[in-house]
Amino acid sequence: MALNLGSFARFAKNYRNGQMIFSEFEMGDTFYLIQSGQVELLKLDGDTQKTLAILKPLEMFGEMAILESSPRSATAIAHGDCVLLEFNSKNFQSLMMGLPELAMSLLKLFITRMYDSKSRYLLLKKQNPHERLAETFVQLVSEIPIENRTGEEQMINANVELLVRLSGLTEKQTRNALEDFSKEKRIEVRMGRILIKKVSYFQKYLASLSKG
């Protein structure tokens, strides 16, 4: 989605790496569009915080704040230095009038974000490292535009650090599960990328576990 954000410079806010944008459970009335940099969303799970997602430029977050008066469902942290456009219910109309093509995208986002957040939270509740990693593989493949997918054999851009963040596993658990899947010839671990040999294997693997 190519957007001209120049006219919204007055809404821009700068955040340094590691700076908190908002925290889980606090009340909020603003949402954000990432102009540059990345933002990490974290959710409290017991005594630890687990990564729900790492958002990139032109992605939005905190959007439920303009729809309902409820606490934040996650903590947002600047993942590297970033520039965000901050909107609230009062200036939201300016955004819609200035970028009408964004209206439909935002509507779709409301729907998919609720589904993705629920899916990610359920993933974090799973105890089996292999199941968590398989679920992470399937989710990463699903985020690739359909026109860019290569069928059953699919390359995904993911290193150990990213897999740790997304799966909520420890580095040791992640490496052990990767090694097991590699020995089974289900994947090939390459420099910063992973080749999924057969996407349907992981889909069926997860389906069999849910039935069991």
Protein backbone atom coordinates (compact mmCIF):
# COMPACT_ATOMS: atom_id res chain seq x y z
CA MET A 1 0.00 0.00 0.00
CA ALA A 2 1.75 3.16 -1.21
CA LEU A 3 0.66 6.10 0.95
CA ASN A 4 1.70 9.75 0.95
CA LEU A 5 2.12 10.59 4.62
CA GLY A 6 3.79 13.95 4.13
CA SER A 7 0.66 15.94 5.00
CA PHE A 8 0.42 14.24 8.40
CA ALA A 9 3.81 15.41 9.72
CA ARG A 10 2.06 17.33 12.52
CA PHE A 11 0.98 14.00 14.02
CA ALA A 12 4.51 12.52 14.02
CA LYS A 13 6.19 11.40 17.24
CA ASN A 14 9.73 10.07 17.60
CA TYR A 15 10.60 7.13 19.84
CA ARG A 16 14.03 5.79 20.75
CA ASN A 17 14.96 2.12 20.73
CA GLY A 18 13.41 0.40 23.75
CA GLN A 19 11.15 3.33 24.64
CA MET A 20 7.65 2.36 25.76
CA ILE A 21 4.81 3.75 23.66
CA PHE A 22 2.08 2.42 25.91
CA SER A 23 1.72 -0.43 28.39
CA GLU A 24 -0.71 -3.31 28.71
CA PHE A 25 -3.78 -2.63 30.89
CA GLU A 26 -3.48 1.17 30.75
CA MET A 27 -6.36 3.15 29.27
CA GLY A 28 -5.76 4.76 25.89
CA ASP A 29 -7.51 6.89 23.28
CA THR A 30 -4.86 6.92 20.53
CA PHE A 31 -3.70 4.59 17.80
CA TYR A 32 -0.56 4.67 15.69
CA LEU A 33 0.60 4.30 12.09
CA ILE A 34 4.27 3.41 11.74
CA GLN A 35 6.03 5.83 9.39
CA SER A 36 9.52 4.41 9.89
CA GLY A 37 11.17 1.84 12.12
CA GLN A 38 9.52 -1.09 13.91
CA VAL A 39 7.36 -1.63 16.98
CA GLU A 40 7.25 -4.72 19.18
CA LEU A 41 3.99 -5.77 20.84
CA LEU A 42 4.33 -7.67 24.11
CA LYS A 43 1.74 -9.44 26.25
CA LEU A 44 2.04 -10.48 29.86
CA ASP A 45 1.88 -14.26 30.31
CA GLY A 46 2.24 -15.09 33.99
CA ASP A 47 5.37 -13.35 35.23
CA THR A 48 6.96 -12.85 31.81
CA GLN A 49 6.23 -10.81 28.71
CA LYS A 50 5.96 -12.64 25.40
CA THR A 51 6.24 -11.09 21.93
CA LEU A 52 2.97 -11.03 19.99
CA ALA A 53 4.33 -9.34 16.87
CA ILE A 54 6.97 -7.02 15.45
CA LEU A 55 5.27 -4.43 13.26
CA LYS A 56 6.83 -2.68 10.28
CA PRO A 57 6.29 0.66 8.45
CA LEU A 58 2.70 1.36 7.32
CA GLU A 59 1.31 -1.07 9.89
CA MET A 60 -1.05 0.19 12.59
CA PHE A 61 -1.52 -0.71 16.23
CA GLY A 62 -3.59 0.39 19.21
CA GLU A 63 -6.53 0.91 16.85
CA MET A 64 -9.12 -0.61 19.21
CA ALA A 65 -8.73 2.49 21.41
CA ILE A 66 -10.93 4.52 19.06
CA LEU A 67 -13.63 1.84 18.96
CA GLU A 68 -14.09 0.98 22.60
CA SER A 69 -13.14 2.32 25.99
CA SER A 70 -11.06 -0.56 27.33
CA PRO A 71 -7.52 -1.11 28.64
CA ARG A 72 -4.66 -1.76 26.21
CA SER A 73 -4.40 -5.46 25.38
CA ALA A 74 -0.61 -5.36 24.94
CA THR A 75 2.50 -3.29 25.59
CA ALA A 76 4.08 -1.44 22.65
CA ILE A 77 7.86 -0.85 22.61
CA ALA A 78 9.99 0.89 19.99
CA HIS A 79 12.04 -1.85 18.29
CA GLY A 80 14.83 0.42 17.14
CA ASP A 81 14.35 4.16 16.62
CA CYS A 82 11.02 4.87 14.95
CA VAL A 83 8.63 7.60 13.84
CA LEU A 84 4.94 7.09 14.51
CA LEU A 85 1.88 9.04 13.43
CA GLU A 86 -0.43 9.35 16.44
CA PHE A 87 -4.18 9.63 15.93
CA ASN A 88 -7.19 9.83 18.23
CA SER A 89 -10.95 9.95 17.76
CA LYS A 90 -10.80 13.71 17.15
CA ASN A 91 -8.20 13.76 14.37
CA PHE A 92 -9.11 10.32 13.00
CA GLN A 93 -11.48 12.01 10.54
CA SER A 94 -8.54 13.98 9.12
CA LEU A 95 -6.76 10.73 8.40
CA MET A 96 -9.77 9.21 6.68
CA MET A 97 -10.42 12.31 4.56
CA GLY A 98 -6.76 12.69 3.65
CA LEU A 99 -6.27 8.99 2.87
CA PRO A 100 -9.65 7.52 1.91
CA GLU A 101 -7.92 4.38 0.59
CA LEU A 102 -6.89 3.70 4.18
CA ALA A 103 -10.48 3.35 5.39
CA MET A 104 -11.02 -0.12 3.94
CA SER A 105 -7.56 -1.27 4.99
CA LEU A 106 -8.27 -0.14 8.54
CA LEU A 107 -11.59 -1.96 8.59
CA LYS A 108 -9.89 -5.17 7.46
CA LEU A 109 -7.21 -4.60 10.07
CA PHE A 110 -9.78 -4.38 12.87
CA ILE A 111 -11.06 -7.82 11.89
CA THR A 112 -7.76 -9.58 11.24
CA ARG A 113 -5.93 -8.05 14.22
CA MET A 114 -8.50 -9.46 16.66
CA TYR A 115 -8.09 -12.91 15.07
CA ASP A 116 -4.29 -12.73 14.96
CA SER A 117 -4.00 -11.57 18.57
CA LYS A 118 -6.16 -14.45 19.74
CA SER A 119 -4.14 -16.92 17.66
CA ARG A 120 -0.83 -15.57 18.98
CA TYR A 121 -2.05 -15.73 22.59
CA LEU A 122 -3.17 -19.34 22.13
CA LEU A 123 0.26 -20.12 20.68
CA LEU A 124 1.97 -18.79 23.79
CA LYS A 125 -0.13 -21.11 25.96
CA LYS A 126 1.15 -24.22 24.15
CA GLN A 127 3.84 -26.06 26.10
CA ASN A 128 5.35 -28.29 23.39
CA PRO A 129 8.34 -26.47 21.76
CA HIS A 130 7.92 -28.38 18.48
CA GLU A 131 4.25 -27.42 18.34
CA ARG A 132 5.03 -23.76 19.03
CA LEU A 133 7.71 -23.67 16.37
CA ALA A 134 5.51 -25.45 13.82
CA GLU A 135 2.72 -22.95 14.52
CA THR A 136 5.20 -20.11 14.05
CA PHE A 137 6.30 -21.55 10.69
CA VAL A 138 2.70 -21.78 9.49
CA GLN A 139 1.93 -18.23 10.64
CA LEU A 140 5.01 -16.81 8.91
CA VAL A 141 4.04 -18.57 5.67
CA SER A 142 0.49 -17.20 5.95
CA GLU A 143 1.89 -13.66 6.13
CA ILE A 144 3.56 -14.04 2.71
CA PRO A 145 1.35 -12.55 -0.05
CA ILE A 146 -0.32 -15.33 -2.02
CA GLU A 147 1.28 -14.17 -5.27
CA ASN A 148 4.74 -14.57 -3.71
CA ARG A 149 4.27 -18.07 -2.32
CA THR A 150 6.07 -20.94 -3.99
CA GLY A 151 3.77 -23.83 -3.14
CA GLU A 152 4.65 -26.64 -0.76
CA GLU A 153 8.33 -25.67 -0.62
CA GLN A 154 8.49 -22.20 0.86
CA MET A 155 11.37 -20.00 2.01
CA ILE A 156 10.72 -17.76 5.00
CA ASN A 157 12.90 -14.94 6.31
CA ALA A 158 13.51 -15.97 9.91
CA ASN A 159 16.55 -16.40 12.12
CA VAL A 160 16.77 -17.88 15.61
CA GLU A 161 16.30 -14.49 17.27
CA LEU A 162 13.04 -13.83 15.43
CA LEU A 163 11.74 -17.34 16.09
CA VAL A 164 12.50 -16.92 19.80
CA ARG A 165 10.55 -13.66 19.88
CA LEU A 166 7.55 -14.97 17.97
CA SER A 167 7.28 -18.40 19.60
CA GLY A 168 8.04 -17.34 23.16
CA LEU A 169 10.51 -20.24 23.46
CA THR A 170 14.00 -20.01 24.90
CA GLU A 171 16.93 -19.93 22.48
CA LYS A 172 17.90 -23.46 23.54
CA GLN A 173 14.38 -24.80 22.96
CA THR A 174 14.24 -23.09 19.58
CA ARG A 175 17.60 -24.46 18.43
CA ASN A 176 16.75 -27.97 19.64
CA ALA A 177 13.41 -27.97 17.80
CA LEU A 178 15.06 -26.59 14.65
CA GLU A 179 17.69 -29.32 14.84
CA ASP A 180 15.01 -32.02 15.21
CA PHE A 181 13.01 -30.72 12.23
CA SER A 182 16.25 -30.50 10.22
CA LYS A 183 17.18 -34.10 11.04
CA GLU A 184 13.72 -35.16 9.89
CA LYS A 185 14.41 -33.21 6.66
CA ARG A 186 11.31 -31.07 7.22
CA ILE A 187 13.32 -27.85 6.98
CA GLU A 188 16.71 -26.48 5.94
CA VAL A 189 18.22 -23.76 8.11
CA ARG A 190 20.11 -21.20 6.04
CA MET A 191 21.69 -17.83 6.78
CA GLY A 192 18.79 -15.78 8.14
CA ARG A 193 16.26 -17.92 6.30
CA ILE A 194 14.49 -21.25 6.65
CA LEU A 195 13.34 -23.46 3.80
CA ILE A 196 10.11 -25.23 4.66
CA LYS A 197 10.25 -28.45 2.63
CA LYS A 198 6.51 -29.15 2.81
CA VAL A 199 4.15 -26.57 4.29
CA SER A 200 1.25 -29.04 4.46
CA TYR A 201 3.30 -31.31 6.74
CA PHE A 202 3.30 -28.67 9.49
CA GLN A 203 -0.37 -27.89 8.89
CA LYS A 204 -1.28 -31.57 9.26
CA TYR A 205 1.08 -31.93 12.22
CA LEU A 206 -0.75 -29.15 14.08
CA ALA A 207 -4.15 -30.52 13.07
CA SER A 208 -3.26 -33.94 14.47
CA LEU A 209 -2.14 -32.42 17.77
CA SER A 210 -5.37 -30.43 18.13
CA LYS A 211 -7.39 -33.60 17.63
CA GLY A 212 -5.28 -35.47 20.13
